[in-house]
Amino acid sequence: MSEIVLDRNDLLRTYTAGEFCERAGVSRRTLDRMLSRGELQAVPGSRGNGKTLRISALELARVIYGDSVSVAGDAQ
């Protein structure tokens, strides 16, 4: 499998829980389990009363593509 490289602009993109689930092909319940097990990190400050849960594009890419994801410019 080839490497998936995200650029810095990709890192600014976030997804709502619904968008994440649709793109990753998982249910909301699976997303909640991944968050509670620490397999996935929500964007800081996006959880709590009245706040919309947000997941970064990097987290989404890692769920879909696994370890083959890197960020352009990162030292390997």
N, C-alpha and C. Protein backbone atom coordinates (compact mmCIF):
# COMPACT_ATOMS: atom_id res chain seq x y z
N MET A 1 0.85 -1.18 0.00
CA MET A 1 0.00 0.00 0.00
C MET A 1 0.89 1.24 0.00
N SER A 2 0.52 2.23 -0.79
CA SER A 2 1.33 3.45 -0.85
C SER A 2 1.01 4.36 0.33
N GLU A 3 1.93 5.26 0.57
CA GLU A 3 1.79 6.18 1.69
C GLU A 3 0.82 7.31 1.35
N ILE A 4 0.00 7.69 2.30
CA ILE A 4 -0.92 8.81 2.16
C ILE A 4 -0.28 10.00 2.86
N VAL A 5 -0.08 11.09 2.13
CA VAL A 5 0.58 12.27 2.69
C VAL A 5 -0.42 13.42 2.77
N LEU A 6 -0.60 13.95 3.96
CA LEU A 6 -1.45 15.11 4.16
C LEU A 6 -0.58 16.36 4.23
N ASP A 7 -1.07 17.45 3.65
CA ASP A 7 -0.30 18.70 3.78
C ASP A 7 -0.84 19.50 4.97
N ARG A 8 -0.20 20.58 5.27
CA ARG A 8 -0.57 21.38 6.45
C ARG A 8 -2.01 21.89 6.38
N ASN A 9 -2.49 22.21 5.19
CA ASN A 9 -3.87 22.67 5.05
C ASN A 9 -4.87 21.58 5.41
N ASP A 10 -4.54 20.32 5.10
CA ASP A 10 -5.41 19.20 5.46
C ASP A 10 -5.58 19.11 6.97
N LEU A 11 -4.55 19.48 7.70
CA LEU A 11 -4.58 19.37 9.16
C LEU A 11 -5.56 20.34 9.79
N LEU A 12 -5.93 21.39 9.08
CA LEU A 12 -6.87 22.37 9.61
C LEU A 12 -8.32 21.90 9.49
N ARG A 13 -8.57 20.92 8.66
CA ARG A 13 -9.93 20.42 8.41
C ARG A 13 -10.38 19.55 9.57
N THR A 14 -11.62 19.76 10.00
CA THR A 14 -12.22 18.90 11.02
C THR A 14 -13.57 18.42 10.53
N TYR A 15 -14.04 17.35 11.13
CA TYR A 15 -15.31 16.74 10.74
C TYR A 15 -16.20 16.58 11.97
N THR A 16 -17.50 16.75 11.77
CA THR A 16 -18.45 16.44 12.84
C THR A 16 -18.50 14.93 13.00
N ALA A 17 -19.14 14.49 14.07
CA ALA A 17 -19.27 13.05 14.29
C ALA A 17 -19.96 12.37 13.11
N GLY A 18 -21.02 12.98 12.61
CA GLY A 18 -21.75 12.41 11.48
C GLY A 18 -20.91 12.33 10.22
N GLU A 19 -20.16 13.39 9.94
CA GLU A 19 -19.28 13.40 8.76
C GLU A 19 -18.20 12.34 8.90
N PHE A 20 -17.62 12.26 10.10
CA PHE A 20 -16.57 11.27 10.35
C PHE A 20 -17.11 9.86 10.12
N CYS A 21 -18.26 9.56 10.71
CA CYS A 21 -18.84 8.22 10.60
C CYS A 21 -19.13 7.86 9.15
N GLU A 22 -19.67 8.80 8.40
CA GLU A 22 -19.98 8.55 6.99
C GLU A 22 -18.71 8.25 6.20
N ARG A 23 -17.69 9.05 6.38
CA ARG A 23 -16.45 8.88 5.61
C ARG A 23 -15.67 7.64 6.04
N ALA A 24 -15.69 7.34 7.34
CA ALA A 24 -14.93 6.19 7.85
C ALA A 24 -15.71 4.89 7.73
N GLY A 25 -17.01 4.99 7.48
CA GLY A 25 -17.82 3.78 7.35
C GLY A 25 -18.07 3.09 8.68
N VAL A 26 -18.22 3.89 9.75
CA VAL A 26 -18.49 3.34 11.08
C VAL A 26 -19.75 3.97 11.64
N SER A 27 -20.33 3.31 12.62
CA SER A 27 -21.52 3.86 13.28
C SER A 27 -21.11 4.86 14.35
N ARG A 28 -22.07 5.63 14.82
CA ARG A 28 -21.80 6.58 15.91
C ARG A 28 -21.38 5.82 17.17
N ARG A 29 -21.98 4.67 17.38
CA ARG A 29 -21.61 3.86 18.56
C ARG A 29 -20.15 3.43 18.47
N THR A 30 -19.71 3.01 17.30
CA THR A 30 -18.30 2.64 17.11
C THR A 30 -17.40 3.84 17.35
N LEU A 31 -17.78 5.00 16.85
CA LEU A 31 -17.00 6.22 17.08
C LEU A 31 -16.87 6.48 18.57
N ASP A 32 -17.97 6.40 19.30
CA ASP A 32 -17.93 6.63 20.75
C ASP A 32 -17.02 5.62 21.45
N ARG A 33 -17.05 4.37 21.01
CA ARG A 33 -16.17 3.35 21.59
C ARG A 33 -14.70 3.68 21.31
N MET A 34 -14.41 4.08 20.08
CA MET A 34 -13.03 4.43 19.72
C MET A 34 -12.52 5.59 20.57
N LEU A 35 -13.38 6.57 20.82
CA LEU A 35 -13.00 7.70 21.66
C LEU A 35 -12.76 7.26 23.11
N SER A 36 -13.65 6.43 23.64
CA SER A 36 -13.52 6.01 25.04
C SER A 36 -12.32 5.09 25.25
N ARG A 37 -11.92 4.34 24.23
CA ARG A 37 -10.75 3.46 24.35
C ARG A 37 -9.45 4.21 24.06
N GLY A 38 -9.54 5.45 23.63
CA GLY A 38 -8.35 6.23 23.32
C GLY A 38 -7.75 5.93 21.96
N GLU A 39 -8.49 5.24 21.10
CA GLU A 39 -8.01 4.92 19.75
C GLU A 39 -8.11 6.13 18.83
N LEU A 40 -8.86 7.12 19.26
CA LEU A 40 -9.15 8.29 18.46
C LEU A 40 -9.22 9.48 19.41
N GLN A 41 -8.74 10.63 18.96
CA GLN A 41 -8.77 11.84 19.77
C GLN A 41 -9.69 12.87 19.13
N ALA A 42 -10.57 13.46 19.94
CA ALA A 42 -11.40 14.56 19.46
C ALA A 42 -10.58 15.84 19.48
N VAL A 43 -11.00 16.81 18.69
CA VAL A 43 -10.34 18.11 18.69
C VAL A 43 -10.53 18.71 20.08
N PRO A 44 -9.45 19.19 20.71
CA PRO A 44 -9.57 19.77 22.06
C PRO A 44 -10.62 20.88 22.10
N GLY A 45 -11.43 20.85 23.15
CA GLY A 45 -12.46 21.86 23.32
C GLY A 45 -13.74 21.59 22.56
N SER A 46 -13.82 20.45 21.88
CA SER A 46 -15.01 20.17 21.07
C SER A 46 -15.97 19.21 21.76
N ARG A 47 -15.71 18.89 23.01
CA ARG A 47 -16.61 17.99 23.74
C ARG A 47 -17.15 18.72 24.96
N GLY A 48 -18.36 18.39 25.32
CA GLY A 48 -18.96 19.00 26.50
C GLY A 48 -20.33 19.56 26.18
N ASN A 49 -20.93 20.16 27.18
CA ASN A 49 -22.28 20.70 27.03
C ASN A 49 -22.38 21.72 25.91
N GLY A 50 -23.26 21.45 24.98
CA GLY A 50 -23.53 22.38 23.90
C GLY A 50 -22.46 22.49 22.84
N LYS A 51 -21.45 21.66 22.90
CA LYS A 51 -20.36 21.73 21.93
C LYS A 51 -20.49 20.58 20.93
N THR A 52 -20.15 20.86 19.70
CA THR A 52 -20.19 19.85 18.65
C THR A 52 -18.87 19.10 18.62
N LEU A 53 -18.94 17.80 18.73
CA LEU A 53 -17.75 16.95 18.66
C LEU A 53 -17.12 17.11 17.29
N ARG A 54 -15.81 17.32 17.25
CA ARG A 54 -15.07 17.47 16.00
C ARG A 54 -13.89 16.50 16.01
N ILE A 55 -13.62 15.91 14.85
CA ILE A 55 -12.50 14.99 14.67
C ILE A 55 -11.63 15.55 13.55
N SER A 56 -10.32 15.54 13.75
CA SER A 56 -9.41 16.10 12.74
C SER A 56 -9.31 15.20 11.50
N ALA A 57 -8.91 15.82 10.40
CA ALA A 57 -8.69 15.09 9.16
C ALA A 57 -7.59 14.05 9.33
N LEU A 58 -6.59 14.37 10.14
CA LEU A 58 -5.51 13.41 10.38
C LEU A 58 -6.03 12.16 11.09
N GLU A 59 -6.88 12.33 12.08
CA GLU A 59 -7.46 11.18 12.78
C GLU A 59 -8.31 10.35 11.81
N LEU A 60 -9.09 11.02 10.98
CA LEU A 60 -9.91 10.30 10.00
C LEU A 60 -9.02 9.50 9.06
N ALA A 61 -7.98 10.12 8.54
CA ALA A 61 -7.08 9.42 7.61
C ALA A 61 -6.43 8.22 8.28
N ARG A 62 -6.06 8.35 9.54
CA ARG A 62 -5.43 7.23 10.25
C ARG A 62 -6.40 6.07 10.45
N VAL A 63 -7.68 6.38 10.67
CA VAL A 63 -8.68 5.32 10.80
C VAL A 63 -8.85 4.60 9.46
N ILE A 64 -8.89 5.35 8.38
CA ILE A 64 -9.11 4.76 7.06
C ILE A 64 -7.87 4.05 6.53
N TYR A 65 -6.71 4.70 6.64
CA TYR A 65 -5.50 4.19 5.99
C TYR A 65 -4.47 3.60 6.95
N GLY A 66 -4.68 3.70 8.24
CA GLY A 66 -3.74 3.12 9.21
C GLY A 66 -2.42 3.86 9.27
N ASP A 67 -1.35 3.10 9.41
CA ASP A 67 -0.01 3.66 9.61
C ASP A 67 0.60 4.24 8.35
N SER A 68 -0.08 4.15 7.23
CA SER A 68 0.50 4.66 5.98
C SER A 68 0.25 6.16 5.79
N VAL A 69 -0.20 6.85 6.85
CA VAL A 69 -0.48 8.28 6.78
C VAL A 69 0.68 9.07 7.38
N SER A 70 1.10 10.11 6.68
CA SER A 70 2.11 11.01 7.23
C SER A 70 1.75 12.44 6.86
N VAL A 71 2.46 13.37 7.46
CA VAL A 71 2.22 14.79 7.21
C VAL A 71 3.41 15.34 6.44
N ALA A 72 3.15 16.04 5.35
CA ALA A 72 4.22 16.62 4.54
C ALA A 72 5.09 17.50 5.41
N GLY A 73 6.40 17.31 5.29
CA GLY A 73 7.34 18.11 6.05
C GLY A 73 7.74 17.52 7.38
N ASP A 74 7.05 16.47 7.84
CA ASP A 74 7.44 15.81 9.09
C ASP A 74 8.69 15.00 8.89
N ALA A 75 9.57 15.01 9.88
CA ALA A 75 10.77 14.16 9.83
C ALA A 75 10.34 12.72 10.03
N GLN A 76 10.81 11.85 9.17
CA GLN A 76 10.44 10.43 9.26
C GLN A 76 11.50 9.64 9.98
